[in-house]
Amino acid sequence: MGGQISWTEKSDQELLALYRKGSQEACACLLARYVHLINRRIAAVQIRGIERDDLRQEAYMGLFGAVRSYDEAKNSSFGAYASFCIANSLKNLFAAASTKKADLYRKTISLQENGLENLRGAEDTNPEARMIAEESYAGLKRLLSEVLTPLEQEVLRFYFSGCSYYETASRLQVSPKSVDNALQRVRRKLKAALNEL
């Protein structure tokens, strides 16, 4: 066994140094070493609408961020820094979950946006915010397909495209009153669906 590295016997600082030299095994060892911390943190957190697996993934992202950004000169122990980073990741998830419902509600019920594409947040250069926006967009599309009829979906699509009731009615070969009724149902259904979130 002479030349093999015993990962479990290495200190956090040694593993971090090896990771910075390109060792993925050192990173994996650090992540495995702090699983208990992740489990303890997510056991203490409950966010409505967020599953445990999502909490665990967010906690791992916080831990991985700690591995990547830890600076021994600025921070005390790696364990304390990792705990702080995991807690912050979970706080950010909670904040995003808390505002996502209000944000979706505001953007969908008013029906005044220029289209669903605005929910994607492509103009945001922050990768985390962009990912959250993409997930919100996908969730909203799923919600729309589940609660709206095909006619209501088409009316909503034309509405977001800026078409008038008369243009929409002409394209769908229905009366303008049918378009108005469909939009009223869309508002009611989305309001009810978002209140259940």
C-alpha atoms as a PDB file:
ATOM      1  CA  MET A   1       0.000   0.000   0.000  1.00  0.00           C
ATOM      2  CA  GLY A   2       3.050   2.235   0.220  1.00  0.00           C
ATOM      3  CA  GLY A   3       2.156   5.057  -2.209  1.00  0.00           C
ATOM      4  CA  GLN A   4      -1.608   5.337  -1.631  1.00  0.00           C
ATOM      5  CA  ILE A   5      -3.040   8.480  -0.079  1.00  0.00           C
ATOM      6  CA  SER A   6      -5.217   7.945   2.993  1.00  0.00           C
ATOM      7  CA  TRP A   7      -7.810  10.669   2.468  1.00  0.00           C
ATOM      8  CA  THR A   8      -9.544  10.211   5.802  1.00  0.00           C
ATOM      9  CA  GLU A   9      -6.350  10.890   7.734  1.00  0.00           C
ATOM     10  CA  LYS A  10      -5.734  14.235   6.030  1.00  0.00           C
ATOM     11  CA  SER A  11      -6.758  17.486   7.705  1.00  0.00           C
ATOM     12  CA  ASP A  12      -9.254  19.834   6.084  1.00  0.00           C
ATOM     13  CA  GLN A  13      -6.428  22.206   5.166  1.00  0.00           C
ATOM     14  CA  GLU A  14      -4.429  19.408   3.538  1.00  0.00           C
ATOM     15  CA  LEU A  15      -7.468  18.298   1.532  1.00  0.00           C
ATOM     16  CA  LEU A  16      -8.154  21.890   0.475  1.00  0.00           C
ATOM     17  CA  ALA A  17      -4.559  22.275  -0.693  1.00  0.00           C
ATOM     18  CA  LEU A  18      -4.818  19.036  -2.691  1.00  0.00           C
ATOM     19  CA  TYR A  19      -8.116  20.178  -4.196  1.00  0.00           C
ATOM     20  CA  ARG A  20      -6.522  23.445  -5.298  1.00  0.00           C
ATOM     21  CA  LYS A  21      -3.851  21.391  -7.039  1.00  0.00           C
ATOM     22  CA  GLY A  22      -6.584  19.620  -9.007  1.00  0.00           C
ATOM     23  CA  SER A  23      -7.489  16.614  -6.858  1.00  0.00           C
ATOM     24  CA  GLN A  24     -11.183  15.837  -7.252  1.00  0.00           C
ATOM     25  CA  GLU A  25     -10.793  13.026  -4.718  1.00  0.00           C
ATOM     26  CA  ALA A  26      -9.778  15.564  -2.075  1.00  0.00           C
ATOM     27  CA  CYS A  27     -12.911  17.574  -2.820  1.00  0.00           C
ATOM     28  CA  ALA A  28     -15.073  14.436  -2.637  1.00  0.00           C
ATOM     29  CA  CYS A  29     -13.494  13.544   0.704  1.00  0.00           C
ATOM     30  CA  LEU A  30     -14.256  17.023   2.098  1.00  0.00           C
ATOM     31  CA  LEU A  31     -17.855  16.830   0.885  1.00  0.00           C
ATOM     32  CA  ALA A  32     -18.260  13.378   2.435  1.00  0.00           C
ATOM     33  CA  ARG A  33     -16.651  14.546   5.675  1.00  0.00           C
ATOM     34  CA  TYR A  34     -19.301  17.236   6.157  1.00  0.00           C
ATOM     35  CA  VAL A  35     -22.415  15.203   5.263  1.00  0.00           C
ATOM     36  CA  HIS A  36     -23.322  15.153   8.966  1.00  0.00           C
ATOM     37  CA  LEU A  37     -23.310  18.963   8.978  1.00  0.00           C
ATOM     38  CA  ILE A  38     -25.600  19.051   5.957  1.00  0.00           C
ATOM     39  CA  ASN A  39     -27.961  16.530   7.545  1.00  0.00           C
ATOM     40  CA  ARG A  40     -28.053  18.527  10.783  1.00  0.00           C
ATOM     41  CA  ARG A  41     -28.719  21.800   8.953  1.00  0.00           C
ATOM     42  CA  ILE A  42     -31.519  20.499   6.748  1.00  0.00           C
ATOM     43  CA  ALA A  43     -33.158  18.666   9.657  1.00  0.00           C
ATOM     44  CA  ALA A  44     -33.645  22.058  11.306  1.00  0.00           C
ATOM     45  CA  VAL A  45     -35.154  23.667   8.193  1.00  0.00           C
ATOM     46  CA  GLN A  46     -38.617  23.309   6.768  1.00  0.00           C
ATOM     47  CA  ILE A  47     -39.660  25.409   3.794  1.00  0.00           C
ATOM     48  CA  ARG A  48     -43.170  24.974   2.463  1.00  0.00           C
ATOM     49  CA  GLY A  49     -43.101  23.778  -1.126  1.00  0.00           C
ATOM     50  CA  ILE A  50     -39.427  22.746  -0.998  1.00  0.00           C
ATOM     51  CA  GLU A  51     -38.604  19.050  -0.799  1.00  0.00           C
ATOM     52  CA  ARG A  52     -35.829  17.617   1.367  1.00  0.00           C
ATOM     53  CA  ASP A  53     -33.816  16.655  -1.724  1.00  0.00           C
ATOM     54  CA  ASP A  54     -33.867  20.287  -2.860  1.00  0.00           C
ATOM     55  CA  LEU A  55     -32.721  21.390   0.602  1.00  0.00           C
ATOM     56  CA  ARG A  56     -29.933  18.813   0.502  1.00  0.00           C
ATOM     57  CA  GLN A  57     -28.833  19.935  -2.959  1.00  0.00           C
ATOM     58  CA  GLU A  58     -28.767  23.577  -1.875  1.00  0.00           C
ATOM     59  CA  ALA A  59     -26.778  22.655   1.233  1.00  0.00           C
ATOM     60  CA  TYR A  60     -24.274  20.752  -0.917  1.00  0.00           C
ATOM     61  CA  MET A  61     -23.943  23.785  -3.154  1.00  0.00           C
ATOM     62  CA  GLY A  62     -23.149  25.858  -0.073  1.00  0.00           C
ATOM     63  CA  LEU A  63     -20.576  23.309   1.056  1.00  0.00           C
ATOM     64  CA  PHE A  64     -19.009  23.142  -2.397  1.00  0.00           C
ATOM     65  CA  GLY A  65     -18.897  26.942  -2.444  1.00  0.00           C
ATOM     66  CA  ALA A  66     -17.062  26.806   0.885  1.00  0.00           C
ATOM     67  CA  VAL A  67     -14.534  24.332  -0.537  1.00  0.00           C
ATOM     68  CA  ARG A  68     -13.923  26.610  -3.511  1.00  0.00           C
ATOM     69  CA  SER A  69     -13.737  29.922  -1.636  1.00  0.00           C
ATOM     70  CA  TYR A  70     -12.197  29.092   1.742  1.00  0.00           C
ATOM     71  CA  ASP A  71      -9.246  31.313   2.605  1.00  0.00           C
ATOM     72  CA  GLU A  72      -7.331  30.244   5.691  1.00  0.00           C
ATOM     73  CA  ALA A  73      -5.930  33.752   6.143  1.00  0.00           C
ATOM     74  CA  LYS A  74      -9.427  35.290   6.392  1.00  0.00           C
ATOM     75  CA  ASN A  75     -11.403  32.556   8.133  1.00  0.00           C
ATOM     76  CA  SER A  76     -11.028  30.514  11.262  1.00  0.00           C
ATOM     77  CA  SER A  77     -11.603  26.799  10.746  1.00  0.00           C
ATOM     78  CA  PHE A  78     -12.923  25.292   7.565  1.00  0.00           C
ATOM     79  CA  GLY A  79     -15.715  23.575   9.530  1.00  0.00           C
ATOM     80  CA  ALA A  80     -17.021  26.901  10.845  1.00  0.00           C
ATOM     81  CA  TYR A  81     -16.790  28.476   7.394  1.00  0.00           C
ATOM     82  CA  ALA A  82     -18.555  25.491   5.783  1.00  0.00           C
ATOM     83  CA  SER A  83     -21.342  25.712   8.359  1.00  0.00           C
ATOM     84  CA  PHE A  84     -21.741  29.420   7.612  1.00  0.00           C
ATOM     85  CA  CYS A  85     -21.851  28.826   3.832  1.00  0.00           C
ATOM     86  CA  ILE A  86     -24.412  26.024   4.159  1.00  0.00           C
ATOM     87  CA  ALA A  87     -26.613  28.175   6.402  1.00  0.00           C
ATOM     88  CA  ASN A  88     -26.416  31.064   3.922  1.00  0.00           C
ATOM     89  CA  SER A  89     -27.357  28.807   1.006  1.00  0.00           C
ATOM     90  CA  LEU A  90     -30.410  27.606   2.894  1.00  0.00           C
ATOM     91  CA  LYS A  91     -31.332  31.186   3.850  1.00  0.00           C
ATOM     92  CA  ASN A  92     -31.075  32.211   0.200  1.00  0.00           C
ATOM     93  CA  LEU A  93     -33.304  29.291  -0.796  1.00  0.00           C
ATOM     94  CA  PHE A  94     -35.843  30.330   1.823  1.00  0.00           C
ATOM     95  CA  ALA A  95     -35.752  33.933   0.593  1.00  0.00           C
ATOM     96  CA  ALA A  96     -36.172  32.810  -3.023  1.00  0.00           C
ATOM     97  CA  ALA A  97     -39.058  30.505  -2.099  1.00  0.00           C
ATOM     98  CA  SER A  98     -40.730  33.260  -0.110  1.00  0.00           C
ATOM     99  CA  THR A  99     -40.540  35.784  -2.923  1.00  0.00           C
ATOM    100  CA  LYS A 100     -41.152  33.359  -5.790  1.00  0.00           C
ATOM    101  CA  LYS A 101     -44.817  32.928  -4.914  1.00  0.00           C
ATOM    102  CA  ALA A 102     -45.374  36.661  -4.603  1.00  0.00           C
ATOM    103  CA  ASP A 103     -43.391  37.291  -7.770  1.00  0.00           C
ATOM    104  CA  LEU A 104     -45.304  34.692  -9.783  1.00  0.00           C
ATOM    105  CA  TYR A 105     -48.575  35.985  -8.394  1.00  0.00           C
ATOM    106  CA  ARG A 106     -47.767  39.574  -9.301  1.00  0.00           C
ATOM    107  CA  LYS A 107     -46.554  38.688 -12.790  1.00  0.00           C
ATOM    108  CA  THR A 108     -49.334  36.287 -13.749  1.00  0.00           C
ATOM    109  CA  ILE A 109     -52.511  37.598 -12.197  1.00  0.00           C
ATOM    110  CA  SER A 110     -52.181  41.100 -13.573  1.00  0.00           C
ATOM    111  CA  LEU A 111     -51.635  39.702 -17.092  1.00  0.00           C
ATOM    112  CA  GLN A 112     -49.900  42.955 -17.948  1.00  0.00           C
ATOM    113  CA  GLU A 113     -46.460  41.594 -18.804  1.00  0.00           C
ATOM    114  CA  ASN A 114     -45.179  41.458 -22.369  1.00  0.00           C
ATOM    115  CA  GLY A 115     -45.135  37.678 -22.223  1.00  0.00           C
ATOM    116  CA  LEU A 116     -44.012  34.649 -20.284  1.00  0.00           C
ATOM    117  CA  GLU A 117     -40.513  35.077 -21.673  1.00  0.00           C
ATOM    118  CA  ASN A 118     -40.032  37.973 -19.211  1.00  0.00           C
ATOM    119  CA  LEU A 119     -40.075  35.478 -16.350  1.00  0.00           C
ATOM    120  CA  ARG A 120     -36.947  33.826 -17.671  1.00  0.00           C
ATOM    121  CA  GLY A 121     -34.696  36.632 -16.447  1.00  0.00           C
ATOM    122  CA  ALA A 122     -32.221  36.226 -19.302  1.00  0.00           C
ATOM    123  CA  GLU A 123     -30.969  39.741 -18.660  1.00  0.00           C
ATOM    124  CA  ASP A 124     -29.737  38.686 -15.223  1.00  0.00           C
ATOM    125  CA  THR A 125     -26.052  37.788 -15.315  1.00  0.00           C
ATOM    126  CA  ASN A 126     -26.075  36.097 -11.889  1.00  0.00           C
ATOM    127  CA  PRO A 127     -26.112  32.324 -12.626  1.00  0.00           C
ATOM    128  CA  GLU A 128     -27.976  31.472  -9.415  1.00  0.00           C
ATOM    129  CA  ALA A 129     -30.675  34.086 -10.064  1.00  0.00           C
ATOM    130  CA  ARG A 130     -30.914  32.947 -13.676  1.00  0.00           C
ATOM    131  CA  MET A 131     -31.340  29.323 -12.557  1.00  0.00           C
ATOM    132  CA  ILE A 132     -34.070  30.299 -10.087  1.00  0.00           C
ATOM    133  CA  ALA A 133     -35.807  32.334 -12.794  1.00  0.00           C
ATOM    134  CA  GLU A 134     -35.588  29.392 -15.223  1.00  0.00           C
ATOM    135  CA  GLU A 135     -37.093  27.074 -12.597  1.00  0.00           C
ATOM    136  CA  SER A 136     -39.852  29.613 -11.922  1.00  0.00           C
ATOM    137  CA  TYR A 137     -40.547  29.869 -15.635  1.00  0.00           C
ATOM    138  CA  ALA A 138     -40.674  26.072 -16.036  1.00  0.00           C
ATOM    139  CA  GLY A 139     -42.950  25.788 -12.999  1.00  0.00           C
ATOM    140  CA  LEU A 140     -45.267  28.453 -14.351  1.00  0.00           C
ATOM    141  CA  LYS A 141     -45.437  26.769 -17.764  1.00  0.00           C
ATOM    142  CA  ARG A 142     -46.268  23.469 -16.060  1.00  0.00           C
ATOM    143  CA  LEU A 143     -48.931  25.188 -13.949  1.00  0.00           C
ATOM    144  CA  LEU A 144     -50.475  26.798 -17.033  1.00  0.00           C
ATOM    145  CA  SER A 145     -50.658  23.495 -18.887  1.00  0.00           C
ATOM    146  CA  GLU A 146     -52.242  21.790 -15.867  1.00  0.00           C
ATOM    147  CA  VAL A 147     -54.944  24.310 -15.002  1.00  0.00           C
ATOM    148  CA  LEU A 148     -55.814  25.968 -18.320  1.00  0.00           C
ATOM    149  CA  THR A 149     -57.765  24.508 -21.225  1.00  0.00           C
ATOM    150  CA  PRO A 150     -56.153  24.584 -24.673  1.00  0.00           C
ATOM    151  CA  LEU A 151     -58.374  27.536 -25.656  1.00  0.00           C
ATOM    152  CA  GLU A 152     -57.413  29.461 -22.508  1.00  0.00           C
ATOM    153  CA  GLN A 153     -53.729  28.782 -23.180  1.00  0.00           C
ATOM    154  CA  GLU A 154     -54.030  30.082 -26.744  1.00  0.00           C
ATOM    155  CA  VAL A 155     -55.973  33.170 -25.650  1.00  0.00           C
ATOM    156  CA  LEU A 156     -53.337  33.871 -23.015  1.00  0.00           C
ATOM    157  CA  ARG A 157     -50.537  33.429 -25.561  1.00  0.00           C
ATOM    158  CA  PHE A 158     -52.145  35.920 -27.940  1.00  0.00           C
ATOM    159  CA  TYR A 159     -52.832  38.296 -25.060  1.00  0.00           C
ATOM    160  CA  PHE A 160     -49.152  38.244 -24.079  1.00  0.00           C
ATOM    161  CA  SER A 161     -48.243  38.824 -27.718  1.00  0.00           C
ATOM    162  CA  GLY A 162     -50.146  42.091 -27.595  1.00  0.00           C
ATOM    163  CA  CYS A 163     -53.123  41.043 -29.699  1.00  0.00           C
ATOM    164  CA  SER A 164     -56.451  42.745 -29.085  1.00  0.00           C
ATOM    165  CA  TYR A 165     -59.565  40.732 -28.231  1.00  0.00           C
ATOM    166  CA  TYR A 166     -60.728  41.148 -31.834  1.00  0.00           C
ATOM    167  CA  GLU A 167     -57.417  39.985 -33.329  1.00  0.00           C
ATOM    168  CA  THR A 168     -57.347  36.998 -30.975  1.00  0.00           C
ATOM    169  CA  ALA A 169     -60.975  36.156 -31.783  1.00  0.00           C
ATOM    170  CA  SER A 170     -60.259  36.336 -35.501  1.00  0.00           C
ATOM    171  CA  ARG A 171     -57.176  34.108 -35.282  1.00  0.00           C
ATOM    172  CA  LEU A 172     -58.918  31.523 -33.088  1.00  0.00           C
ATOM    173  CA  GLN A 173     -62.214  31.784 -34.992  1.00  0.00           C
ATOM    174  CA  VAL A 174     -64.238  32.536 -31.858  1.00  0.00           C
ATOM    175  CA  SER A 175     -66.197  35.583 -30.735  1.00  0.00           C
ATOM    176  CA  PRO A 176     -64.525  38.483 -28.876  1.00  0.00           C
ATOM    177  CA  LYS A 177     -66.820  37.663 -25.936  1.00  0.00           C
ATOM    178  CA  SER A 178     -65.344  34.121 -25.845  1.00  0.00           C
ATOM    179  CA  VAL A 179     -61.872  35.663 -25.670  1.00  0.00           C
ATOM    180  CA  ASP A 180     -62.955  37.923 -22.802  1.00  0.00           C
ATOM    181  CA  ASN A 181     -64.550  34.999 -20.946  1.00  0.00           C
ATOM    182  CA  ALA A 182     -61.426  32.876 -21.443  1.00  0.00           C
ATOM    183  CA  LEU A 183     -59.197  35.619 -19.986  1.00  0.00           C
ATOM    184  CA  GLN A 184     -61.521  35.993 -16.989  1.00  0.00           C
ATOM    185  CA  ARG A 185     -61.299  32.222 -16.371  1.00  0.00           C
ATOM    186  CA  VAL A 186     -57.494  32.386 -16.716  1.00  0.00           C
ATOM    187  CA  ARG A 187     -57.342  35.078 -14.028  1.00  0.00           C
ATOM    188  CA  ARG A 188     -59.567  33.096 -11.658  1.00  0.00           C
ATOM    189  CA  LYS A 189     -57.742  29.802 -12.228  1.00  0.00           C
ATOM    190  CA  LEU A 190     -54.280  31.290 -11.814  1.00  0.00           C
ATOM    191  CA  LYS A 191     -55.298  33.162  -8.687  1.00  0.00           C
ATOM    192  CA  ALA A 192     -56.731  29.975  -7.171  1.00  0.00           C
ATOM    193  CA  ALA A 193     -53.701  27.880  -8.210  1.00  0.00           C
ATOM    194  CA  LEU A 194     -51.184  30.382  -6.814  1.00  0.00           C
ATOM    195  CA  ASN A 195     -53.087  30.658  -3.538  1.00  0.00           C
ATOM    196  CA  GLU A 196     -52.601  26.899  -3.110  1.00  0.00           C
ATOM    197  CA  LEU A 197     -48.783  27.203  -3.419  1.00  0.00           C
END
